[in-house]
Amino acid sequence: MITNFKRIDGAASRGSLFQWSYNGSVVSAFWPAGYSNVVPDVDNAATALNAGILAAGNEIAAAADRLKKTDEIHGVALEAVSRFVAAPFRYLRDRAIADRDSVGMARASLRQPVERQSATPYSIAADSLERQEIRRTLDQFDQIGEAFDWVMKSTGLTVLNAIAPSIDLTIFAKDKQLADLVQEEFAIRKTARLIDNSPDDIFATASQPLRNKADYDQIRNTAKARVGDLKVRESAVSDAEKLLIAVIAFTSQTGNISADEAFRLLMGKSA
């Protein structure tokens, strides 16, 4: 049975934190602040789940003060979880799965090489030969740092398009950090290429009255922000999974049931 259930109000600026004691150990459930703008669906679901945890925890604490028998307290706990926690648990799980899959598809798309819009057998063969030649040039570098500088200093997408989609076959397979940076740069430039830059008078200034399009730095910053949002969404999915696991532990410990039984209860099935 859990004891000392409480919400840590001092952590509100960083997120929502609950703590309780179980068998002499302090256990916690946490949802960070800062996700509402990028992943509102997941954040709203987590907020609803936190409200359910608070309601259930308060009811369990009141039952522990009122009831004498442990079995009765466990019964109240399982009823409180079913009433306050189970539905928002399933909703957060569904939202996190949907966002995980959406981010996964976006990541997979960004890793694919850019193909010509009107490809012909000749252009496909020419592109293949060009990519092979670029990879051969990359193989000539003895130092991975020099290879990295050469790739990152390239302009446009040609070099990155030959290397990033096949990163595991290059010298960068030895260094995950550099490989991730190469792939991120490819994703940013590829995203920038797809951003609409239609003429608009909002870009005109007193010093540049004829300007009617965004410059490359503005487009790149927009692309960088979009790729950065994918990282935030990945982080939110990871934190959502941690919160779900904490809620399973909360249910198991308050109801004196196994983790598998707790999960079945939260999923609306018989524990």
Protein backbone atom coordinates (compact mmCIF):
# COMPACT_ATOMS: atom_id res chain seq x y z
CA MET A 1 0.00 0.00 0.00
CA ILE A 2 1.24 3.50 -0.75
CA THR A 3 1.62 6.29 1.80
CA ASN A 4 2.42 10.00 1.77
CA PHE A 5 0.85 10.63 -1.62
CA LYS A 6 1.29 14.29 -2.59
CA ARG A 7 1.71 16.70 -5.46
CA ILE A 8 4.96 18.65 -5.28
CA ASP A 9 3.78 22.22 -5.83
CA GLY A 10 7.31 23.60 -5.85
CA ALA A 11 7.96 21.78 -9.13
CA ALA A 12 5.06 23.45 -10.96
CA SER A 13 7.34 25.65 -13.07
CA ARG A 14 9.09 22.55 -14.43
CA GLY A 15 5.99 20.41 -14.77
CA SER A 16 3.58 18.27 -12.78
CA LEU A 17 5.21 16.04 -10.16
CA PHE A 18 3.53 13.50 -7.87
CA GLN A 19 5.30 11.47 -5.21
CA TRP A 20 4.35 8.66 -2.89
CA SER A 21 6.07 6.11 -0.67
CA TYR A 22 5.96 2.37 -1.23
CA ASN A 23 7.87 -0.22 0.81
CA GLY A 24 10.24 2.43 2.09
CA SER A 25 11.03 3.90 -1.33
CA VAL A 26 9.89 7.20 -2.85
CA VAL A 27 8.16 6.77 -6.22
CA SER A 28 7.23 9.60 -8.57
CA ALA A 29 5.25 10.44 -11.70
CA PHE A 30 6.30 13.50 -13.71
CA TRP A 31 5.10 15.35 -16.79
CA PRO A 32 7.35 18.23 -17.96
CA ALA A 33 6.04 21.68 -18.81
CA GLY A 34 6.68 23.15 -22.24
CA TYR A 35 4.97 20.72 -24.62
CA SER A 36 1.67 22.54 -25.06
CA ASN A 37 2.68 24.54 -28.15
CA VAL A 38 4.29 21.69 -30.11
CA VAL A 39 2.27 18.63 -29.05
CA PRO A 40 -1.00 19.99 -27.63
CA ASP A 41 -2.89 16.70 -27.97
CA VAL A 42 -0.33 14.75 -25.98
CA ASP A 43 0.07 17.56 -23.45
CA ASN A 44 -3.70 17.85 -22.91
CA ALA A 45 -3.97 14.09 -22.47
CA ALA A 46 -1.13 14.07 -19.93
CA THR A 47 -2.71 16.98 -18.06
CA ALA A 48 -6.00 15.08 -17.86
CA LEU A 49 -4.17 12.00 -16.60
CA ASN A 50 -2.42 14.06 -13.94
CA ALA A 51 -5.80 15.37 -12.76
CA GLY A 52 -7.01 11.76 -12.54
CA ILE A 53 -3.93 10.72 -10.54
CA LEU A 54 -4.52 13.58 -8.10
CA ALA A 55 -8.19 12.70 -7.63
CA ALA A 56 -7.44 9.00 -7.16
CA GLY A 57 -4.52 9.66 -4.82
CA ASN A 58 -6.57 11.96 -2.61
CA GLU A 59 -9.41 9.42 -2.43
CA ILE A 60 -7.00 6.62 -1.56
CA ALA A 61 -5.36 8.77 1.14
CA ALA A 62 -8.78 9.55 2.63
CA ALA A 63 -9.68 5.86 2.62
CA ALA A 64 -6.43 4.97 4.36
CA ASP A 65 -7.34 7.38 7.19
CA ARG A 66 -10.90 6.09 7.42
CA LEU A 67 -10.64 2.35 6.93
CA LYS A 68 -8.95 -0.20 9.13
CA LYS A 69 -8.56 -3.19 6.83
CA THR A 70 -5.88 -3.17 4.16
CA ASP A 71 -8.06 -5.16 1.76
CA GLU A 72 -10.75 -2.51 1.97
CA ILE A 73 -8.22 0.22 1.17
CA HIS A 74 -7.00 -1.79 -1.83
CA GLY A 75 -10.58 -2.10 -3.02
CA VAL A 76 -11.11 1.66 -2.77
CA ALA A 77 -7.82 2.20 -4.62
CA LEU A 78 -8.78 -0.01 -7.54
CA GLU A 79 -12.19 1.63 -7.75
CA ALA A 80 -10.61 5.11 -7.70
CA VAL A 81 -8.15 4.16 -10.43
CA SER A 82 -10.95 2.75 -12.58
CA ARG A 83 -13.02 5.89 -12.10
CA PHE A 84 -10.42 8.66 -12.34
CA VAL A 85 -7.32 7.26 -14.06
CA ALA A 86 -8.16 4.52 -16.54
CA ALA A 87 -9.86 6.63 -19.23
CA PRO A 88 -7.21 9.40 -19.36
CA PHE A 89 -4.51 6.69 -19.25
CA ARG A 90 -5.92 5.14 -22.42
CA TYR A 91 -6.35 8.55 -24.04
CA LEU A 92 -2.72 9.52 -23.39
CA ARG A 93 -1.57 6.13 -24.66
CA ASP A 94 -3.55 6.58 -27.88
CA ARG A 95 -2.25 10.14 -28.41
CA ALA A 96 1.35 9.10 -27.75
CA ILE A 97 1.12 6.18 -30.18
CA ALA A 98 -0.38 8.42 -32.87
CA ASP A 99 2.33 11.05 -32.43
CA ARG A 100 5.08 8.42 -32.31
CA ASP A 101 3.88 6.99 -35.60
CA SER A 102 3.49 10.45 -37.16
CA VAL A 103 7.01 11.48 -36.14
CA GLY A 104 8.35 8.14 -37.36
CA MET A 105 6.83 8.67 -40.80
CA ALA A 106 8.18 12.22 -40.95
CA ARG A 107 11.66 11.04 -39.95
CA ALA A 108 11.57 8.24 -42.52
CA SER A 109 10.51 10.69 -45.23
CA LEU A 110 13.31 13.12 -44.34
CA ARG A 111 15.88 10.31 -44.54
CA GLN A 112 14.91 9.40 -48.10
CA PRO A 113 17.04 10.79 -50.94
CA VAL A 114 15.60 13.60 -53.01
CA GLU A 115 14.56 12.26 -56.41
CA ARG A 116 13.99 14.17 -59.61
CA GLN A 117 10.34 15.07 -60.16
CA SER A 118 10.40 13.94 -63.79
CA ALA A 119 12.85 11.07 -63.64
CA THR A 120 13.86 9.13 -66.72
CA PRO A 121 15.96 5.96 -66.92
CA TYR A 122 18.88 8.13 -68.03
CA SER A 123 18.50 10.68 -65.19
CA ILE A 124 18.13 7.89 -62.62
CA ALA A 125 21.36 6.28 -63.84
CA ALA A 126 23.12 9.66 -63.89
CA ASP A 127 22.02 10.42 -60.32
CA SER A 128 23.20 7.01 -59.16
CA LEU A 129 26.63 7.53 -60.71
CA GLU A 130 26.88 11.01 -59.18
CA ARG A 131 26.10 9.67 -55.70
CA GLN A 132 28.63 6.89 -56.08
CA GLU A 133 31.29 9.41 -57.10
CA ILE A 134 30.51 11.61 -54.10
CA ARG A 135 30.79 8.62 -51.76
CA ARG A 136 34.11 7.65 -53.36
CA THR A 137 35.38 11.17 -52.69
CA LEU A 138 34.23 10.86 -49.08
CA ASP A 139 36.11 7.55 -48.73
CA GLN A 140 39.36 9.33 -49.58
CA PHE A 141 39.33 11.23 -46.27
CA ASP A 142 41.47 9.59 -43.58
CA GLN A 143 40.19 11.82 -40.79
CA ILE A 144 36.50 11.76 -39.97
CA GLY A 145 36.63 15.41 -38.88
CA GLU A 146 37.88 16.48 -42.30
CA ALA A 147 35.19 14.40 -43.97
CA PHE A 148 32.56 16.03 -41.76
CA ASP A 149 33.79 19.54 -42.60
CA TRP A 150 33.74 18.76 -46.33
CA VAL A 151 30.16 17.51 -46.16
CA MET A 152 28.84 20.35 -44.00
CA LYS A 153 30.55 23.04 -46.10
CA SER A 154 28.92 21.73 -49.26
CA THR A 155 26.13 23.86 -50.67
CA GLY A 156 22.69 22.71 -51.70
CA LEU A 157 21.61 19.10 -51.39
CA THR A 158 23.81 17.23 -53.86
CA VAL A 159 26.51 16.02 -51.45
CA LEU A 160 24.18 15.43 -48.52
CA ASN A 161 21.71 13.65 -50.79
CA ALA A 162 24.40 11.12 -51.67
CA ILE A 163 25.59 10.58 -48.10
CA ALA A 164 22.84 11.07 -45.51
CA PRO A 165 20.41 8.37 -46.75
CA SER A 166 23.30 5.85 -46.78
CA ILE A 167 25.06 7.14 -43.67
CA ASP A 168 25.67 3.62 -42.27
CA LEU A 169 27.80 2.79 -45.32
CA THR A 170 30.09 5.78 -44.88
CA ILE A 171 32.92 6.80 -42.58
CA PHE A 172 30.31 8.40 -40.29
CA ALA A 173 29.10 4.96 -39.22
CA LYS A 174 32.01 5.12 -36.74
CA ASP A 175 30.66 8.21 -34.97
CA LYS A 176 26.95 8.42 -34.14
CA GLN A 177 27.16 12.04 -33.03
CA LEU A 178 28.59 13.20 -36.36
CA ALA A 179 26.23 10.91 -38.26
CA ASP A 180 23.27 12.49 -36.47
CA LEU A 181 24.54 15.98 -37.31
CA VAL A 182 24.91 15.08 -40.99
CA GLN A 183 21.40 13.64 -41.09
CA GLU A 184 19.98 16.65 -39.27
CA GLU A 185 21.62 19.02 -41.75
CA PHE A 186 20.17 16.96 -44.60
CA ALA A 187 16.73 17.14 -42.99
CA ILE A 188 17.00 20.92 -42.56
CA ARG A 189 18.10 21.56 -46.15
CA LYS A 190 15.50 19.15 -47.50
CA THR A 191 12.77 20.84 -45.44
CA ALA A 192 13.96 24.28 -46.56
CA ARG A 193 13.67 23.15 -50.17
CA LEU A 194 9.98 22.40 -49.63
CA ILE A 195 9.06 25.67 -47.91
CA ASP A 196 6.91 27.92 -50.05
CA ASN A 197 8.60 31.25 -50.79
CA SER A 198 5.95 33.00 -52.81
CA PRO A 199 6.35 36.73 -53.44
CA ASP A 200 4.95 38.87 -50.63
CA ASP A 201 5.34 42.56 -49.81
CA ILE A 202 5.89 41.79 -46.13
CA PHE A 203 9.55 41.11 -46.93
CA ALA A 204 10.15 44.64 -48.28
CA THR A 205 12.06 47.08 -46.09
CA ALA A 206 13.10 50.70 -46.30
CA SER A 207 16.59 49.65 -47.34
CA GLN A 208 15.31 46.94 -49.71
CA PRO A 209 12.02 48.25 -51.16
CA LEU A 210 12.07 45.76 -54.05
CA ARG A 211 12.48 42.70 -51.88
CA ASN A 212 9.43 40.45 -52.00
CA LYS A 213 10.77 37.06 -50.89
CA ALA A 214 12.35 35.59 -47.78
CA ASP A 215 16.11 35.22 -47.88
CA TYR A 216 17.78 31.85 -47.41
CA ASP A 217 18.61 32.46 -43.75
CA GLN A 218 14.95 33.05 -42.96
CA ILE A 219 13.91 29.93 -44.84
CA ARG A 220 16.63 27.90 -43.15
CA ASN A 221 15.59 29.11 -39.70
CA THR A 222 12.01 28.08 -40.44
CA ALA A 223 13.20 24.66 -41.63
CA LYS A 224 15.44 24.29 -38.58
CA ALA A 225 12.49 25.05 -36.29
CA ARG A 226 10.34 22.43 -38.03
CA VAL A 227 13.04 19.77 -37.67
CA GLY A 228 13.51 20.88 -34.06
CA ASP A 229 9.80 20.34 -33.45
CA LEU A 230 10.26 16.70 -34.41
CA LYS A 231 12.82 16.36 -31.62
CA VAL A 232 10.40 17.94 -29.15
CA ARG A 233 7.66 15.56 -30.26
CA GLU A 234 9.99 12.58 -29.86
CA SER A 235 10.85 13.80 -26.36
CA ALA A 236 7.16 14.20 -25.52
CA VAL A 237 6.41 10.64 -26.63
CA SER A 238 9.29 9.37 -24.48
CA ASP A 239 8.05 11.34 -21.46
CA ALA A 240 4.50 10.13 -22.06
CA GLU A 241 5.72 6.53 -21.95
CA LYS A 242 7.53 7.22 -18.66
CA LEU A 243 4.34 8.74 -17.22
CA LEU A 244 2.27 5.73 -18.33
CA ILE A 245 4.76 3.35 -16.70
CA ALA A 246 4.63 5.40 -13.49
CA VAL A 247 0.81 5.21 -13.51
CA ILE A 248 0.97 1.43 -13.96
CA ALA A 249 3.26 1.30 -10.91
CA PHE A 250 0.88 3.58 -8.98
CA THR A 251 -2.05 1.30 -9.79
CA SER A 252 -0.11 -1.86 -8.91
CA GLN A 253 1.12 -0.47 -5.61
CA THR A 254 -2.16 1.08 -4.47
CA GLY A 255 -4.23 -1.96 -5.38
CA ASN A 256 -1.72 -4.66 -4.38
CA ILE A 257 -1.86 -6.26 -7.82
CA SER A 258 0.84 -7.13 -10.36
CA ALA A 259 1.98 -4.69 -13.01
CA ASP A 260 0.31 -6.83 -15.70
CA GLU A 261 -2.96 -6.82 -13.77
CA ALA A 262 -2.66 -3.07 -13.28
CA PHE A 263 -2.16 -2.53 -17.01
CA ARG A 264 -5.21 -4.65 -17.83
CA LEU A 265 -7.29 -2.65 -15.35
CA LEU A 266 -6.14 0.65 -16.85
CA MET A 267 -6.98 -0.66 -20.31
CA GLY A 268 -10.54 -1.30 -19.16
CA LYS A 269 -10.15 -5.05 -18.80
CA SER A 270 -10.56 -7.25 -15.77
CA ALA A 271 -7.47 -7.13 -13.55
